[in-house]
């Protein structure tokens, strides 16, 4: 069960990181990993970011494949709880560090009030963490 949780957690990190890159970096073009450099630097930094989250995604897939199949309700809750905890923690840590502490970029660099987007991003991350924690705890109660 630990392997399933860790794999699901890392899967959440990888998927949410990839969605962040696809949606915010590429489709909306609201920001890049480094906004204060030239366009080629932004493309390279985004490429390194995508390579990192793809690597996490690959490792997560191996862990999930080598765990028990998530078919029983407690295992599904463990998987989805771990997924949401991983994705939520990734977004919250990335949001706090990159958006607030370092100021590397904001969710929407071009908004009149980028802080509002950053805080909404953080709130969604906290919601994911809460939901993931709830599912994980509920899965443990069902097993005992």
C-alpha atoms as a PDB file:
ATOM      1  CA  UNK A   1       0.000   0.000   0.000  1.00  0.00           C
ATOM      2  CA  UNK A   2       2.928   2.355   0.663  1.00  0.00           C
ATOM      3  CA  UNK A   3       4.221   1.853  -2.853  1.00  0.00           C
ATOM      4  CA  UNK A   4       0.768   2.670  -4.221  1.00  0.00           C
ATOM      5  CA  UNK A   5       0.538   5.846  -2.105  1.00  0.00           C
ATOM      6  CA  UNK A   6       4.060   7.016  -3.051  1.00  0.00           C
ATOM      7  CA  UNK A   7       3.434   6.259  -6.720  1.00  0.00           C
ATOM      8  CA  UNK A   8       0.097   8.084  -6.628  1.00  0.00           C
ATOM      9  CA  UNK A   9       1.691  11.029  -4.799  1.00  0.00           C
ATOM     10  CA  UNK A  10       4.447  11.337  -7.421  1.00  0.00           C
ATOM     11  CA  UNK A  11       1.893  10.780 -10.186  1.00  0.00           C
ATOM     12  CA  UNK A  12      -0.023  13.784  -8.820  1.00  0.00           C
ATOM     13  CA  UNK A  13       3.173  15.863  -8.826  1.00  0.00           C
ATOM     14  CA  UNK A  14       3.952  14.848 -12.408  1.00  0.00           C
ATOM     15  CA  UNK A  15       0.461  15.310 -13.809  1.00  0.00           C
ATOM     16  CA  UNK A  16      -0.182  18.641 -12.083  1.00  0.00           C
ATOM     17  CA  UNK A  17       3.282  19.881 -13.052  1.00  0.00           C
ATOM     18  CA  UNK A  18       2.671  18.865 -16.660  1.00  0.00           C
ATOM     19  CA  UNK A  19      -0.770  20.509 -16.689  1.00  0.00           C
ATOM     20  CA  UNK A  20       0.766  23.684 -15.255  1.00  0.00           C
ATOM     21  CA  UNK A  21       3.324  23.707 -18.045  1.00  0.00           C
ATOM     22  CA  UNK A  22       0.832  22.959 -20.779  1.00  0.00           C
ATOM     23  CA  UNK A  23      -1.929  25.313 -19.630  1.00  0.00           C
ATOM     24  CA  UNK A  24      -0.104  28.287 -18.080  1.00  0.00           C
ATOM     25  CA  UNK A  25       3.200  28.165 -19.997  1.00  0.00           C
ATOM     26  CA  UNK A  26       2.161  27.039 -23.460  1.00  0.00           C
ATOM     27  CA  UNK A  27      -1.558  27.517 -24.122  1.00  0.00           C
ATOM     28  CA  UNK A  28      -2.287  30.695 -22.151  1.00  0.00           C
ATOM     29  CA  UNK A  29       1.347  31.916 -22.230  1.00  0.00           C
ATOM     30  CA  UNK A  30       0.759  33.685 -18.922  1.00  0.00           C
ATOM     31  CA  UNK A  31       4.216  32.894 -17.591  1.00  0.00           C
ATOM     32  CA  UNK A  32       7.392  30.902 -17.974  1.00  0.00           C
ATOM     33  CA  UNK A  33       9.677  29.430 -15.336  1.00  0.00           C
ATOM     34  CA  UNK A  34      11.942  32.478 -15.631  1.00  0.00           C
ATOM     35  CA  UNK A  35      10.207  35.646 -16.776  1.00  0.00           C
ATOM     36  CA  UNK A  36      13.140  38.015 -16.344  1.00  0.00           C
ATOM     37  CA  UNK A  37      15.365  36.556 -19.062  1.00  0.00           C
ATOM     38  CA  UNK A  38      15.231  36.329 -22.853  1.00  0.00           C
ATOM     39  CA  UNK A  39      12.695  34.203 -24.748  1.00  0.00           C
ATOM     40  CA  UNK A  40      15.272  31.442 -25.491  1.00  0.00           C
ATOM     41  CA  UNK A  41      16.042  31.266 -21.744  1.00  0.00           C
ATOM     42  CA  UNK A  42      12.334  30.957 -21.016  1.00  0.00           C
ATOM     43  CA  UNK A  43      11.942  28.131 -23.528  1.00  0.00           C
ATOM     44  CA  UNK A  44      14.940  26.257 -22.092  1.00  0.00           C
ATOM     45  CA  UNK A  45      13.779  26.715 -18.482  1.00  0.00           C
ATOM     46  CA  UNK A  46      10.305  25.457 -19.412  1.00  0.00           C
ATOM     47  CA  UNK A  47      11.895  22.488 -21.208  1.00  0.00           C
ATOM     48  CA  UNK A  48      13.914  21.582 -18.109  1.00  0.00           C
ATOM     49  CA  UNK A  49      10.735  21.881 -16.021  1.00  0.00           C
ATOM     50  CA  UNK A  50       8.819  19.594 -18.407  1.00  0.00           C
ATOM     51  CA  UNK A  51      11.659  17.065 -18.434  1.00  0.00           C
ATOM     52  CA  UNK A  52      11.691  17.014 -14.621  1.00  0.00           C
ATOM     53  CA  UNK A  53       7.939  16.474 -14.235  1.00  0.00           C
ATOM     54  CA  UNK A  54       7.952  13.859 -17.007  1.00  0.00           C
ATOM     55  CA  UNK A  55      10.701  11.992 -15.136  1.00  0.00           C
ATOM     56  CA  UNK A  56       8.638  12.151 -11.936  1.00  0.00           C
ATOM     57  CA  UNK A  57       5.623  10.897 -13.894  1.00  0.00           C
ATOM     58  CA  UNK A  58       7.635   7.961 -15.275  1.00  0.00           C
ATOM     59  CA  UNK A  59       8.934   6.939 -11.831  1.00  0.00           C
ATOM     60  CA  UNK A  60       5.403   7.238 -10.433  1.00  0.00           C
ATOM     61  CA  UNK A  61       4.048   4.980 -13.159  1.00  0.00           C
ATOM     62  CA  UNK A  62       6.637   2.317 -12.335  1.00  0.00           C
ATOM     63  CA  UNK A  63       5.748   2.473  -8.638  1.00  0.00           C
ATOM     64  CA  UNK A  64       2.017   2.187  -9.312  1.00  0.00           C
ATOM     65  CA  UNK A  65       2.528  -0.686 -11.766  1.00  0.00           C
ATOM     66  CA  UNK A  66       4.576  -2.581  -9.181  1.00  0.00           C
ATOM     67  CA  UNK A  67       2.007  -2.173  -6.408  1.00  0.00           C
ATOM     68  CA  UNK A  68      -1.243  -4.033  -5.892  1.00  0.00           C
ATOM     69  CA  UNK A  69      -3.884  -3.042  -8.457  1.00  0.00           C
ATOM     70  CA  UNK A  70      -6.049  -0.182  -7.114  1.00  0.00           C
ATOM     71  CA  UNK A  71      -9.394  -1.917  -7.466  1.00  0.00           C
ATOM     72  CA  UNK A  72     -10.787  -2.161  -3.915  1.00  0.00           C
ATOM     73  CA  UNK A  73     -12.350   1.027  -2.472  1.00  0.00           C
ATOM     74  CA  UNK A  74      -9.564   1.568   0.115  1.00  0.00           C
ATOM     75  CA  UNK A  75      -6.921   1.261  -2.590  1.00  0.00           C
ATOM     76  CA  UNK A  76      -8.770   3.666  -4.889  1.00  0.00           C
ATOM     77  CA  UNK A  77      -9.014   6.147  -2.032  1.00  0.00           C
ATOM     78  CA  UNK A  78      -5.310   5.681  -1.325  1.00  0.00           C
ATOM     79  CA  UNK A  79      -4.482   6.285  -4.982  1.00  0.00           C
ATOM     80  CA  UNK A  80      -6.666   9.371  -5.452  1.00  0.00           C
ATOM     81  CA  UNK A  81      -5.794  10.717  -2.013  1.00  0.00           C
ATOM     82  CA  UNK A  82      -2.085  10.381  -2.770  1.00  0.00           C
ATOM     83  CA  UNK A  83      -2.589  11.887  -6.220  1.00  0.00           C
ATOM     84  CA  UNK A  84      -4.375  14.960  -4.831  1.00  0.00           C
ATOM     85  CA  UNK A  85      -1.895  15.351  -1.966  1.00  0.00           C
ATOM     86  CA  UNK A  86       1.052  15.195  -4.384  1.00  0.00           C
ATOM     87  CA  UNK A  87      -0.472  17.599  -6.895  1.00  0.00           C
ATOM     88  CA  UNK A  88      -1.728  19.979  -4.223  1.00  0.00           C
ATOM     89  CA  UNK A  89       1.574  20.069  -2.346  1.00  0.00           C
ATOM     90  CA  UNK A  90       3.462  20.581  -5.599  1.00  0.00           C
ATOM     91  CA  UNK A  91       1.271  23.561  -6.509  1.00  0.00           C
ATOM     92  CA  UNK A  92       1.314  25.040  -3.002  1.00  0.00           C
ATOM     93  CA  UNK A  93       5.089  24.794  -2.637  1.00  0.00           C
ATOM     94  CA  UNK A  94       5.652  26.044  -6.194  1.00  0.00           C
ATOM     95  CA  UNK A  95       3.204  28.872  -5.583  1.00  0.00           C
ATOM     96  CA  UNK A  96       4.733  29.967  -2.298  1.00  0.00           C
ATOM     97  CA  UNK A  97       8.342  29.699  -3.480  1.00  0.00           C
ATOM     98  CA  UNK A  98       8.092  30.923  -7.102  1.00  0.00           C
ATOM     99  CA  UNK A  99       5.160  33.343  -6.876  1.00  0.00           C
ATOM    100  CA  UNK A 100       5.542  34.834  -3.396  1.00  0.00           C
ATOM    101  CA  UNK A 101       9.071  34.339  -2.018  1.00  0.00           C
ATOM    102  CA  UNK A 102      11.310  34.474  -5.097  1.00  0.00           C
ATOM    103  CA  UNK A 103       8.953  36.353  -7.401  1.00  0.00           C
ATOM    104  CA  UNK A 104      10.292  34.346 -10.360  1.00  0.00           C
ATOM    105  CA  UNK A 105       6.888  34.538 -12.001  1.00  0.00           C
ATOM    106  CA  UNK A 106       3.207  34.883 -11.212  1.00  0.00           C
ATOM    107  CA  UNK A 107       0.352  32.712 -12.465  1.00  0.00           C
ATOM    108  CA  UNK A 108      -0.655  35.519 -14.826  1.00  0.00           C
ATOM    109  CA  UNK A 109       2.180  37.975 -15.385  1.00  0.00           C
ATOM    110  CA  UNK A 110      -0.017  40.158 -17.576  1.00  0.00           C
ATOM    111  CA  UNK A 111      -2.964  40.620 -15.193  1.00  0.00           C
ATOM    112  CA  UNK A 112      -3.660  43.993 -13.608  1.00  0.00           C
ATOM    113  CA  UNK A 113      -3.625  42.193 -10.238  1.00  0.00           C
ATOM    114  CA  UNK A 114      -1.364  39.110 -10.487  1.00  0.00           C
ATOM    115  CA  UNK A 115      -1.622  38.543  -6.732  1.00  0.00           C
ATOM    116  CA  UNK A 116      -5.285  37.561  -7.111  1.00  0.00           C
ATOM    117  CA  UNK A 117      -4.362  34.798  -9.561  1.00  0.00           C
ATOM    118  CA  UNK A 118      -1.536  33.654  -7.272  1.00  0.00           C
ATOM    119  CA  UNK A 119      -3.847  33.458  -4.256  1.00  0.00           C
ATOM    120  CA  UNK A 120      -6.501  31.566  -6.234  1.00  0.00           C
ATOM    121  CA  UNK A 121      -3.787  29.134  -7.370  1.00  0.00           C
ATOM    122  CA  UNK A 122      -2.773  28.646  -3.711  1.00  0.00           C
ATOM    123  CA  UNK A 123      -6.405  28.184  -2.612  1.00  0.00           C
ATOM    124  CA  UNK A 124      -6.990  25.467  -5.223  1.00  0.00           C
ATOM    125  CA  UNK A 125      -3.793  23.746  -4.025  1.00  0.00           C
ATOM    126  CA  UNK A 126      -5.002  23.847  -0.409  1.00  0.00           C
ATOM    127  CA  UNK A 127      -8.352  22.410  -1.545  1.00  0.00           C
ATOM    128  CA  UNK A 128      -6.574  19.570  -3.328  1.00  0.00           C
ATOM    129  CA  UNK A 129      -4.503  18.853  -0.215  1.00  0.00           C
ATOM    130  CA  UNK A 130      -7.620  18.815   1.969  1.00  0.00           C
ATOM    131  CA  UNK A 131      -9.515  16.543  -0.394  1.00  0.00           C
ATOM    132  CA  UNK A 132      -6.502  14.231  -0.728  1.00  0.00           C
ATOM    133  CA  UNK A 133      -6.070  14.058   3.042  1.00  0.00           C
ATOM    134  CA  UNK A 134      -9.771  13.274   3.478  1.00  0.00           C
ATOM    135  CA  UNK A 135      -9.625  10.427   0.928  1.00  0.00           C
ATOM    136  CA  UNK A 136      -6.440   9.029   2.434  1.00  0.00           C
ATOM    137  CA  UNK A 137      -7.862   9.072   5.978  1.00  0.00           C
ATOM    138  CA  UNK A 138     -11.165   7.584   4.809  1.00  0.00           C
ATOM    139  CA  UNK A 139      -9.274   4.786   3.041  1.00  0.00           C
ATOM    140  CA  UNK A 140      -7.372   3.947   6.243  1.00  0.00           C
ATOM    141  CA  UNK A 141     -10.617   3.812   8.267  1.00  0.00           C
ATOM    142  CA  UNK A 142     -12.188   1.405   5.760  1.00  0.00           C
ATOM    143  CA  UNK A 143      -9.187  -0.973   5.975  1.00  0.00           C
ATOM    144  CA  UNK A 144      -9.174  -1.195   9.792  1.00  0.00           C
END
